[in-house]
Amino acid sequence: MRDRPTALAWIDPDISEALDWDRAKVRRLARALGYELVWPSEDSVIPVVDQVCAADVDAVITPSPDHLGVIALNALMHVVSVETACPRISFARWTEMSRGLR
């Protein structure tokens, strides 16, 4: 178990118009929320949800919702919370109770 909560930084380079600026936004939000960041390998082709499971993190932080597709966002919310920097949105992890209400 980790001493501090951890988050996977997720930036889709195909979506990002300013990669360094997006990295700065993710770092700043992680610091504000108290997360230690884990950065994925830039050349990985493994889906984000599989990377999250392998990294054993508590959340995913991304510059904007555009960096995740709706299917990826739904899959992530089954295992972690998702935080976006701009607009500032928190997508809480699905709970067992909310899963049963579908």
PDB file of N, CA and C in Angstrom:
ATOM      1  N   MET A   1       0.840  -1.187   0.000  1.00  0.00           N
ATOM      2  CA  MET A   1       0.000   0.000   0.000  1.00  0.00           C
ATOM      3  C   MET A   1       0.884   1.248   0.000  1.00  0.00           C
ATOM      4  N   ARG A   2       0.438   2.263  -0.714  1.00  0.00           N
ATOM      5  CA  ARG A   2       1.225   3.487  -0.845  1.00  0.00           C
ATOM      6  C   ARG A   2       0.916   4.461   0.289  1.00  0.00           C
ATOM      7  N   ASP A   3       1.892   5.299   0.586  1.00  0.00           N
ATOM      8  CA  ASP A   3       1.707   6.313   1.624  1.00  0.00           C
ATOM      9  C   ASP A   3       0.780   7.433   1.180  1.00  0.00           C
ATOM     10  N   ARG A   4       0.853   7.780  -0.109  1.00  0.00           N
ATOM     11  CA  ARG A   4       0.034   8.859  -0.659  1.00  0.00           C
ATOM     12  C   ARG A   4      -0.849   8.317  -1.773  1.00  0.00           C
ATOM     13  N   PRO A   5      -2.006   8.951  -1.993  1.00  0.00           N
ATOM     14  CA  PRO A   5      -2.829   8.545  -3.131  1.00  0.00           C
ATOM     15  C   PRO A   5      -2.072   8.814  -4.434  1.00  0.00           C
ATOM     16  N   THR A   6      -2.264   7.959  -5.415  1.00  0.00           N
ATOM     17  CA  THR A   6      -1.563   8.095  -6.687  1.00  0.00           C
ATOM     18  C   THR A   6      -2.563   8.233  -7.825  1.00  0.00           C
ATOM     19  N   ALA A   7      -2.107   8.886  -8.872  1.00  0.00           N
ATOM     20  CA  ALA A   7      -2.947   9.072 -10.051  1.00  0.00           C
ATOM     21  C   ALA A   7      -2.104   8.866 -11.297  1.00  0.00           C
ATOM     22  N   LEU A   8      -2.725   8.287 -12.294  1.00  0.00           N
ATOM     23  CA  LEU A   8      -2.085   8.143 -13.601  1.00  0.00           C
ATOM     24  C   LEU A   8      -2.364   9.407 -14.401  1.00  0.00           C
ATOM     25  N   ALA A   9      -1.320  10.034 -14.905  1.00  0.00           N
ATOM     26  CA  ALA A   9      -1.471  11.196 -15.782  1.00  0.00           C
ATOM     27  C   ALA A   9      -1.783  10.670 -17.178  1.00  0.00           C
ATOM     28  N   TRP A  10      -2.864  11.163 -17.781  1.00  0.00           N
ATOM     29  CA  TRP A  10      -3.235  10.669 -19.096  1.00  0.00           C
ATOM     30  C   TRP A  10      -3.419  11.830 -20.061  1.00  0.00           C
ATOM     31  N   ILE A  11      -2.529  11.909 -21.044  1.00  0.00           N
ATOM     32  CA  ILE A  11      -2.610  12.934 -22.089  1.00  0.00           C
ATOM     33  C   ILE A  11      -2.539  12.225 -23.428  1.00  0.00           C
ATOM     34  N   ASP A  12      -3.560  12.421 -24.237  1.00  0.00           N
ATOM     35  CA  ASP A  12      -3.565  11.837 -25.579  1.00  0.00           C
ATOM     36  C   ASP A  12      -2.826  12.793 -26.503  1.00  0.00           C
ATOM     37  N   PRO A  13      -1.645  12.405 -27.005  1.00  0.00           N
ATOM     38  CA  PRO A  13      -0.865  13.321 -27.845  1.00  0.00           C
ATOM     39  C   PRO A  13      -1.568  13.687 -29.155  1.00  0.00           C
ATOM     40  N   ASP A  14      -2.510  12.872 -29.594  1.00  0.00           N
ATOM     41  CA  ASP A  14      -3.265  13.193 -30.808  1.00  0.00           C
ATOM     42  C   ASP A  14      -4.301  14.299 -30.556  1.00  0.00           C
ATOM     43  N   ILE A  15      -4.701  14.472 -29.307  1.00  0.00           N
ATOM     44  CA  ILE A  15      -5.681  15.487 -28.929  1.00  0.00           C
ATOM     45  C   ILE A  15      -4.994  16.774 -28.483  1.00  0.00           C
ATOM     46  N   SER A  16      -3.870  16.644 -27.810  1.00  0.00           N
ATOM     47  CA  SER A  16      -3.179  17.790 -27.232  1.00  0.00           C
ATOM     48  C   SER A  16      -2.654  18.741 -28.297  1.00  0.00           C
ATOM     49  N   GLU A  17      -2.967  20.015 -28.123  1.00  0.00           N
ATOM     50  CA  GLU A  17      -2.443  21.049 -29.017  1.00  0.00           C
ATOM     51  C   GLU A  17      -1.187  21.689 -28.435  1.00  0.00           C
ATOM     52  N   ALA A  18      -0.994  21.545 -27.128  1.00  0.00           N
ATOM     53  CA  ALA A  18       0.181  22.093 -26.440  1.00  0.00           C
ATOM     54  C   ALA A  18       0.578  21.095 -25.357  1.00  0.00           C
ATOM     55  N   LEU A  19       1.384  20.123 -25.719  1.00  0.00           N
ATOM     56  CA  LEU A  19       1.723  19.011 -24.832  1.00  0.00           C
ATOM     57  C   LEU A  19       2.343  19.478 -23.512  1.00  0.00           C
ATOM     58  N   ASP A  20       3.284  20.398 -23.566  1.00  0.00           N
ATOM     59  CA  ASP A  20       3.913  20.887 -22.330  1.00  0.00           C
ATOM     60  C   ASP A  20       2.904  21.588 -21.428  1.00  0.00           C
ATOM     61  N   TRP A  21       2.005  22.359 -22.015  1.00  0.00           N
ATOM     62  CA  TRP A  21       0.982  23.048 -21.240  1.00  0.00           C
ATOM     63  C   TRP A  21       0.024  22.031 -20.602  1.00  0.00           C
ATOM     64  N   ASP A  22      -0.360  21.000 -21.337  1.00  0.00           N
ATOM     65  CA  ASP A  22      -1.228  19.963 -20.781  1.00  0.00           C
ATOM     66  C   ASP A  22      -0.539  19.225 -19.640  1.00  0.00           C
ATOM     67  N   ARG A  23       0.735  18.944 -19.785  1.00  0.00           N
ATOM     68  CA  ARG A  23       1.483  18.301 -18.689  1.00  0.00           C
ATOM     69  C   ARG A  23       1.488  19.183 -17.442  1.00  0.00           C
ATOM     70  N   ALA A  24       1.676  20.479 -17.634  1.00  0.00           N
ATOM     71  CA  ALA A  24       1.682  21.416 -16.506  1.00  0.00           C
ATOM     72  C   ALA A  24       0.318  21.445 -15.816  1.00  0.00           C
ATOM     73  N   LYS A  25      -0.765  21.434 -16.591  1.00  0.00           N
ATOM     74  CA  LYS A  25      -2.109  21.430 -16.001  1.00  0.00           C
ATOM     75  C   LYS A  25      -2.338  20.173 -15.175  1.00  0.00           C
ATOM     76  N   VAL A  26      -1.887  19.029 -15.689  1.00  0.00           N
ATOM     77  CA  VAL A  26      -2.063  17.768 -14.970  1.00  0.00           C
ATOM     78  C   VAL A  26      -1.238  17.782 -13.679  1.00  0.00           C
ATOM     79  N   ARG A  27       0.009  18.239 -13.761  1.00  0.00           N
ATOM     80  CA  ARG A  27       0.860  18.313 -12.553  1.00  0.00           C
ATOM     81  C   ARG A  27       0.249  19.227 -11.498  1.00  0.00           C
ATOM     82  N   ARG A  28      -0.241  20.386 -11.923  1.00  0.00           N
ATOM     83  CA  ARG A  28      -0.817  21.363 -10.991  1.00  0.00           C
ATOM     84  C   ARG A  28      -2.059  20.795 -10.310  1.00  0.00           C
ATOM     85  N   LEU A  29      -2.936  20.137 -11.073  1.00  0.00           N
ATOM     86  CA  LEU A  29      -4.144  19.562 -10.486  1.00  0.00           C
ATOM     87  C   LEU A  29      -3.790  18.424  -9.531  1.00  0.00           C
ATOM     88  N   ALA A  30      -2.840  17.594  -9.903  1.00  0.00           N
ATOM     89  CA  ALA A  30      -2.418  16.496  -9.026  1.00  0.00           C
ATOM     90  C   ALA A  30      -1.898  17.048  -7.699  1.00  0.00           C
ATOM     91  N   ARG A  31      -1.102  18.091  -7.772  1.00  0.00           N
ATOM     92  CA  ARG A  31      -0.560  18.700  -6.549  1.00  0.00           C
ATOM     93  C   ARG A  31      -1.688  19.272  -5.697  1.00  0.00           C
ATOM     94  N   ALA A  32      -2.645  19.956  -6.333  1.00  0.00           N
ATOM     95  CA  ALA A  32      -3.764  20.550  -5.598  1.00  0.00           C
ATOM     96  C   ALA A  32      -4.644  19.502  -4.925  1.00  0.00           C
ATOM     97  N   LEU A  33      -4.788  18.344  -5.566  1.00  0.00           N
ATOM     98  CA  LEU A  33      -5.634  17.279  -5.013  1.00  0.00           C
ATOM     99  C   LEU A  33      -4.875  16.322  -4.109  1.00  0.00           C
ATOM    100  N   GLY A  34      -3.553  16.479  -4.032  1.00  0.00           N
ATOM    101  CA  GLY A  34      -2.754  15.634  -3.148  1.00  0.00           C
ATOM    102  C   GLY A  34      -2.353  14.297  -3.732  1.00  0.00           C
ATOM    103  N   TYR A  35      -2.340  14.183  -5.056  1.00  0.00           N
ATOM    104  CA  TYR A  35      -1.962  12.931  -5.703  1.00  0.00           C
ATOM    105  C   TYR A  35      -0.487  12.946  -6.104  1.00  0.00           C
ATOM    106  N   GLU A  36       0.138  11.813  -5.957  1.00  0.00           N
ATOM    107  CA  GLU A  36       1.458  11.585  -6.542  1.00  0.00           C
ATOM    108  C   GLU A  36       1.204  11.049  -7.947  1.00  0.00           C
ATOM    109  N   LEU A  37       1.874  11.629  -8.940  1.00  0.00           N
ATOM    110  CA  LEU A  37       1.620  11.249 -10.332  1.00  0.00           C
ATOM    111  C   LEU A  37       2.476  10.093 -10.799  1.00  0.00           C
ATOM    112  N   VAL A  38       1.863   9.240 -11.599  1.00  0.00           N
ATOM    113  CA  VAL A  38       2.542   8.166 -12.315  1.00  0.00           C
ATOM    114  C   VAL A  38       2.324   8.468 -13.790  1.00  0.00           C
ATOM    115  N   TRP A  39       3.400   8.530 -14.549  1.00  0.00           N
ATOM    116  CA  TRP A  39       3.299   8.825 -15.982  1.00  0.00           C
ATOM    117  C   TRP A  39       3.421   7.527 -16.769  1.00  0.00           C
ATOM    118  N   PRO A  40       2.511   7.282 -17.708  1.00  0.00           N
ATOM    119  CA  PRO A  40       2.603   6.072 -18.529  1.00  0.00           C
ATOM    120  C   PRO A  40       3.732   6.208 -19.545  1.00  0.00           C
ATOM    121  N   SER A  41       4.154   5.099 -20.067  1.00  0.00           N
ATOM    122  CA  SER A  41       5.160   5.102 -21.131  1.00  0.00           C
ATOM    123  C   SER A  41       4.555   5.779 -22.360  1.00  0.00           C
ATOM    124  N   GLU A  42       5.300   6.680 -22.971  1.00  0.00           N
ATOM    125  CA  GLU A  42       4.775   7.425 -24.114  1.00  0.00           C
ATOM    126  C   GLU A  42       4.550   6.562 -25.347  1.00  0.00           C
ATOM    127  N   ASP A  43       5.248   5.450 -25.438  1.00  0.00           N
ATOM    128  CA  ASP A  43       5.112   4.608 -26.627  1.00  0.00           C
ATOM    129  C   ASP A  43       4.195   3.398 -26.401  1.00  0.00           C
ATOM    130  N   SER A  44       3.499   3.364 -25.288  1.00  0.00           N
ATOM    131  CA  SER A  44       2.627   2.235 -24.974  1.00  0.00           C
ATOM    132  C   SER A  44       1.366   2.260 -25.836  1.00  0.00           C
ATOM    133  N   VAL A  45       0.948   1.092 -26.271  1.00  0.00           N
ATOM    134  CA  VAL A  45      -0.307   0.955 -27.024  1.00  0.00           C
ATOM    135  C   VAL A  45      -1.371   0.230 -26.190  1.00  0.00           C
ATOM    136  N   ILE A  46      -1.072   0.018 -24.926  1.00  0.00           N
ATOM    137  CA  ILE A  46      -2.003  -0.644 -24.016  1.00  0.00           C
ATOM    138  C   ILE A  46      -3.133   0.328 -23.667  1.00  0.00           C
ATOM    139  N   PRO A  47      -4.387  -0.109 -23.698  1.00  0.00           N
ATOM    140  CA  PRO A  47      -5.504   0.773 -23.352  1.00  0.00           C
ATOM    141  C   PRO A  47      -5.341   1.364 -21.954  1.00  0.00           C
ATOM    142  N   VAL A  48      -5.835   2.585 -21.781  1.00  0.00           N
ATOM    143  CA  VAL A  48      -5.649   3.303 -20.520  1.00  0.00           C
ATOM    144  C   VAL A  48      -6.198   2.518 -19.329  1.00  0.00           C
ATOM    145  N   VAL A  49      -7.328   1.868 -19.468  1.00  0.00           N
ATOM    146  CA  VAL A  49      -7.897   1.137 -18.328  1.00  0.00           C
ATOM    147  C   VAL A  49      -6.975  -0.008 -17.898  1.00  0.00           C
ATOM    148  N   ASP A  50      -6.324  -0.659 -18.844  1.00  0.00           N
ATOM    149  CA  ASP A  50      -5.376  -1.720 -18.501  1.00  0.00           C
ATOM    150  C   ASP A  50      -4.128  -1.147 -17.840  1.00  0.00           C
ATOM    151  N   GLN A  51      -3.697   0.021 -18.277  1.00  0.00           N
ATOM    152  CA  GLN A  51      -2.549   0.661 -17.645  1.00  0.00           C
ATOM    153  C   GLN A  51      -2.870   1.068 -16.210  1.00  0.00           C
ATOM    154  N   VAL A  52      -4.102   1.528 -15.995  1.00  0.00           N
ATOM    155  CA  VAL A  52      -4.536   1.903 -14.649  1.00  0.00           C
ATOM    156  C   VAL A  52      -4.517   0.696 -13.725  1.00  0.00           C
ATOM    157  N   CYS A  53      -5.044  -0.416 -14.190  1.00  0.00           N
ATOM    158  CA  CYS A  53      -5.065  -1.633 -13.371  1.00  0.00           C
ATOM    159  C   CYS A  53      -3.652  -2.111 -13.057  1.00  0.00           C
ATOM    160  N   ALA A  54      -2.763  -2.042 -14.034  1.00  0.00           N
ATOM    161  CA  ALA A  54      -1.381  -2.476 -13.824  1.00  0.00           C
ATOM    162  C   ALA A  54      -0.631  -1.546 -12.883  1.00  0.00           C
ATOM    163  N   ALA A  55      -0.923  -0.253 -12.955  1.00  0.00           N
ATOM    164  CA  ALA A  55      -0.223   0.719 -12.119  1.00  0.00           C
ATOM    165  C   ALA A  55      -0.789   0.792 -10.708  1.00  0.00           C
ATOM    166  N   ASP A  56      -1.985   0.240 -10.496  1.00  0.00           N
ATOM    167  CA  ASP A  56      -2.637   0.237  -9.188  1.00  0.00           C
ATOM    168  C   ASP A  56      -2.739   1.652  -8.623  1.00  0.00           C
ATOM    169  N   VAL A  57      -3.386   2.548  -9.378  1.00  0.00           N
ATOM    170  CA  VAL A  57      -3.548   3.931  -8.960  1.00  0.00           C
ATOM    171  C   VAL A  57      -4.960   4.175  -8.451  1.00  0.00           C
ATOM    172  N   ASP A  58      -5.140   5.331  -7.823  1.00  0.00           N
ATOM    173  CA  ASP A  58      -6.434   5.690  -7.257  1.00  0.00           C
ATOM    174  C   ASP A  58      -7.287   6.535  -8.194  1.00  0.00           C
ATOM    175  N   ALA A  59      -6.636   7.195  -9.153  1.00  0.00           N
ATOM    176  CA  ALA A  59      -7.361   8.107 -10.049  1.00  0.00           C
ATOM    177  C   ALA A  59      -6.595   8.268 -11.358  1.00  0.00           C
ATOM    178  N   VAL A  60      -7.273   8.873 -12.323  1.00  0.00           N
ATOM    179  CA  VAL A  60      -6.653   9.296 -13.576  1.00  0.00           C
ATOM    180  C   VAL A  60      -6.854  10.801 -13.656  1.00  0.00           C
ATOM    181  N   ILE A  61      -5.796  11.521 -14.005  1.00  0.00           N
ATOM    182  CA  ILE A  61      -5.890  12.967 -14.184  1.00  0.00           C
ATOM    183  C   ILE A  61      -5.551  13.270 -15.633  1.00  0.00           C
ATOM    184  N   THR A  62      -6.426  14.023 -16.268  1.00  0.00           N
ATOM    185  CA  THR A  62      -6.263  14.362 -17.679  1.00  0.00           C
ATOM    186  C   THR A  62      -6.537  15.848 -17.872  1.00  0.00           C
ATOM    187  N   PRO A  63      -5.963  16.469 -18.893  1.00  0.00           N
ATOM    188  CA  PRO A  63      -6.172  17.901 -19.093  1.00  0.00           C
ATOM    189  C   PRO A  63      -7.632  18.274 -19.367  1.00  0.00           C
ATOM    190  N   SER A  64      -8.342  17.438 -20.119  1.00  0.00           N
ATOM    191  CA  SER A  64      -9.750  17.706 -20.433  1.00  0.00           C
ATOM    192  C   SER A  64     -10.432  16.379 -20.759  1.00  0.00           C
ATOM    193  N   PRO A  65     -11.755  16.357 -20.732  1.00  0.00           N
ATOM    194  CA  PRO A  65     -12.464  15.117 -21.054  1.00  0.00           C
ATOM    195  C   PRO A  65     -12.194  14.631 -22.477  1.00  0.00           C
ATOM    196  N   ASP A  66     -11.764  15.538 -23.361  1.00  0.00           N
ATOM    197  CA  ASP A  66     -11.486  15.160 -24.751  1.00  0.00           C
ATOM    198  C   ASP A  66     -10.384  14.116 -24.870  1.00  0.00           C
ATOM    199  N   HIS A  67      -9.540  13.989 -23.858  1.00  0.00           N
ATOM    200  CA  HIS A  67      -8.410  13.058 -23.909  1.00  0.00           C
ATOM    201  C   HIS A  67      -8.843  11.612 -23.660  1.00  0.00           C
ATOM    202  N   LEU A  68     -10.109  11.424 -23.313  1.00  0.00           N
ATOM    203  CA  LEU A  68     -10.672  10.086 -23.102  1.00  0.00           C
ATOM    204  C   LEU A  68     -11.955   9.965 -23.916  1.00  0.00           C
ATOM    205  N   GLY A  69     -12.142   8.854 -24.575  1.00  0.00           N
ATOM    206  CA  GLY A  69     -13.408   8.599 -25.237  1.00  0.00           C
ATOM    207  C   GLY A  69     -14.452   8.196 -24.209  1.00  0.00           C
ATOM    208  N   VAL A  70     -15.718   8.211 -24.598  1.00  0.00           N
ATOM    209  CA  VAL A  70     -16.785   7.866 -23.653  1.00  0.00           C
ATOM    210  C   VAL A  70     -16.679   6.418 -23.183  1.00  0.00           C
ATOM    211  N   ILE A  71     -16.244   5.531 -24.041  1.00  0.00           N
ATOM    212  CA  ILE A  71     -16.098   4.125 -23.643  1.00  0.00           C
ATOM    213  C   ILE A  71     -14.958   3.976 -22.642  1.00  0.00           C
ATOM    214  N   ALA A  72     -13.846   4.652 -22.894  1.00  0.00           N
ATOM    215  CA  ALA A  72     -12.718   4.596 -21.959  1.00  0.00           C
ATOM    216  C   ALA A  72     -13.103   5.222 -20.626  1.00  0.00           C
ATOM    217  N   LEU A  73     -13.823   6.346 -20.659  1.00  0.00           N
ATOM    218  CA  LEU A  73     -14.247   7.001 -19.414  1.00  0.00           C
ATOM    219  C   LEU A  73     -15.144   6.079 -18.599  1.00  0.00           C
ATOM    220  N   ASN A  74     -16.094   5.447 -19.237  1.00  0.00           N
ATOM    221  CA  ASN A  74     -16.979   4.510 -18.538  1.00  0.00           C
ATOM    222  C   ASN A  74     -16.182   3.352 -17.943  1.00  0.00           C
ATOM    223  N   ALA A  75     -15.268   2.795 -18.715  1.00  0.00           N
ATOM    224  CA  ALA A  75     -14.451   1.679 -18.212  1.00  0.00           C
ATOM    225  C   ALA A  75     -13.596   2.120 -17.030  1.00  0.00           C
ATOM    226  N   LEU A  76     -13.017   3.308 -17.113  1.00  0.00           N
ATOM    227  CA  LEU A  76     -12.186   3.813 -16.014  1.00  0.00           C
ATOM    228  C   LEU A  76     -12.997   4.012 -14.745  1.00  0.00           C
ATOM    229  N   MET A  77     -14.217   4.508 -14.878  1.00  0.00           N
ATOM    230  CA  MET A  77     -15.028   4.800 -13.701  1.00  0.00           C
ATOM    231  C   MET A  77     -15.446   3.538 -12.942  1.00  0.00           C
ATOM    232  N   HIS A  78     -15.222   2.382 -13.522  1.00  0.00           N
ATOM    233  CA  HIS A  78     -15.465   1.138 -12.795  1.00  0.00           C
ATOM    234  C   HIS A  78     -14.301   0.805 -11.857  1.00  0.00           C
ATOM    235  N   VAL A  79     -13.133   1.427 -12.080  1.00  0.00           N
ATOM    236  CA  VAL A  79     -11.968   1.087 -11.259  1.00  0.00           C
ATOM    237  C   VAL A  79     -11.341   2.277 -10.536  1.00  0.00           C
ATOM    238  N   VAL A  80     -11.496   3.498 -11.068  1.00  0.00           N
ATOM    239  CA  VAL A  80     -10.897   4.685 -10.450  1.00  0.00           C
ATOM    240  C   VAL A  80     -11.787   5.907 -10.675  1.00  0.00           C
ATOM    241  N   SER A  81     -11.460   6.973  -9.987  1.00  0.00           N
ATOM    242  CA  SER A  81     -12.067   8.267 -10.264  1.00  0.00           C
ATOM    243  C   SER A  81     -11.263   8.939 -11.365  1.00  0.00           C
ATOM    244  N   VAL A  82     -11.913   9.843 -12.090  1.00  0.00           N
ATOM    245  CA  VAL A  82     -11.249  10.573 -13.171  1.00  0.00           C
ATOM    246  C   VAL A  82     -11.386  12.061 -12.882  1.00  0.00           C
ATOM    247  N   GLU A  83     -10.267  12.776 -12.946  1.00  0.00           N
ATOM    248  CA  GLU A  83     -10.239  14.214 -12.700  1.00  0.00           C
ATOM    249  C   GLU A  83      -9.772  14.918 -13.964  1.00  0.00           C
ATOM    250  N   THR A  84     -10.468  15.994 -14.344  1.00  0.00           N
ATOM    251  CA  THR A  84     -10.038  16.777 -15.505  1.00  0.00           C
ATOM    252  C   THR A  84      -9.707  18.190 -15.054  1.00  0.00           C
ATOM    253  N   ALA A  85      -8.689  18.774 -15.685  1.00  0.00           N
ATOM    254  CA  ALA A  85      -8.210  20.097 -15.292  1.00  0.00           C
ATOM    255  C   ALA A  85      -9.069  21.223 -15.876  1.00  0.00           C
ATOM    256  N   CYS A  86      -9.453  21.109 -17.140  1.00  0.00           N
ATOM    257  CA  CYS A  86     -10.167  22.193 -17.786  1.00  0.00           C
ATOM    258  C   CYS A  86     -11.168  21.633 -18.792  1.00  0.00           C
ATOM    259  N   PRO A  87     -12.442  21.684 -18.524  1.00  0.00           N
ATOM    260  CA  PRO A  87     -13.044  22.263 -17.339  1.00  0.00           C
ATOM    261  C   PRO A  87     -12.787  21.371 -16.126  1.00  0.00           C
ATOM    262  N   ARG A  88     -12.816  21.970 -14.959  1.00  0.00           N
ATOM    263  CA  ARG A  88     -12.550  21.232 -13.722  1.00  0.00           C
ATOM    264  C   ARG A  88     -13.743  20.351 -13.396  1.00  0.00           C
ATOM    265  N   ILE A  89     -13.588  19.047 -13.670  1.00  0.00           N
ATOM    266  CA  ILE A  89     -14.666  18.075 -13.439  1.00  0.00           C
ATOM    267  C   ILE A  89     -14.095  16.867 -12.717  1.00  0.00           C
ATOM    268  N   SER A  90     -14.888  16.328 -11.792  1.00  0.00           N
ATOM    269  CA  SER A  90     -14.562  15.065 -11.135  1.00  0.00           C
ATOM    270  C   SER A  90     -15.594  14.039 -11.552  1.00  0.00           C
ATOM    271  N   PHE A  91     -15.116  12.933 -12.089  1.00  0.00           N
ATOM    272  CA  PHE A  91     -15.979  11.799 -12.408  1.00  0.00           C
ATOM    273  C   PHE A  91     -15.692  10.742 -11.353  1.00  0.00           C
ATOM    274  N   ALA A  92     -16.595  10.605 -10.410  1.00  0.00           N
ATOM    275  CA  ALA A  92     -16.378   9.684  -9.300  1.00  0.00           C
ATOM    276  C   ALA A  92     -16.456   8.238  -9.766  1.00  0.00           C
ATOM    277  N   ARG A  93     -15.667   7.420  -9.123  1.00  0.00           N
ATOM    278  CA  ARG A  93     -15.684   5.984  -9.409  1.00  0.00           C
ATOM    279  C   ARG A  93     -17.079   5.447  -9.131  1.00  0.00           C
ATOM    280  N   TRP A  94     -17.546   4.546 -10.005  1.00  0.00           N
ATOM    281  CA  TRP A  94     -18.835   3.914  -9.780  1.00  0.00           C
ATOM    282  C   TRP A  94     -18.780   3.151  -8.469  1.00  0.00           C
ATOM    283  N   THR A  95     -19.832   3.224  -7.697  1.00  0.00           N
ATOM    284  CA  THR A  95     -19.922   2.438  -6.464  1.00  0.00           C
ATOM    285  C   THR A  95     -20.703   1.163  -6.760  1.00  0.00           C
ATOM    286  N   GLU A  96     -20.623   0.225  -5.870  1.00  0.00           N
ATOM    287  CA  GLU A  96     -21.386  -1.027  -6.040  1.00  0.00           C
ATOM    288  C   GLU A  96     -22.879  -0.732  -6.132  1.00  0.00           C
ATOM    289  N   MET A  97     -23.354   0.246  -5.349  1.00  0.00           N
ATOM    290  CA  MET A  97     -24.771   0.557  -5.354  1.00  0.00           C
ATOM    291  C   MET A  97     -25.178   1.152  -6.706  1.00  0.00           C
ATOM    292  N   SER A  98     -24.388   2.080  -7.235  1.00  0.00           N
ATOM    293  CA  SER A  98     -24.761   2.693  -8.505  1.00  0.00           C
ATOM    294  C   SER A  98     -24.666   1.706  -9.673  1.00  0.00           C
ATOM    295  N   ARG A  99     -23.796   0.732  -9.566  1.00  0.00           N
ATOM    296  CA  ARG A  99     -23.713  -0.282 -10.620  1.00  0.00           C
ATOM    297  C   ARG A  99     -25.003  -1.099 -10.683  1.00  0.00           C
ATOM    298  N   GLY A 100     -25.600  -1.338  -9.542  1.00  0.00           N
ATOM    299  CA  GLY A 100     -26.830  -2.134  -9.494  1.00  0.00           C
ATOM    300  C   GLY A 100     -28.050  -1.376  -9.972  1.00  0.00           C
ATOM    301  N   LEU A 101     -27.946  -0.038 -10.078  1.00  0.00           N
ATOM    302  CA  LEU A 101     -29.085   0.759 -10.482  1.00  0.00           C
ATOM    303  C   LEU A 101     -29.204   0.936 -11.984  1.00  0.00           C
ATOM    304  N   ARG A 102     -28.297   0.374 -12.743  1.00  0.00           N
ATOM    305  CA  ARG A 102     -28.361   0.559 -14.196  1.00  0.00           C
ATOM    306  C   ARG A 102     -29.490  -0.181 -14.806  1.00  0.00           C
TER     307      ARG A 102
END
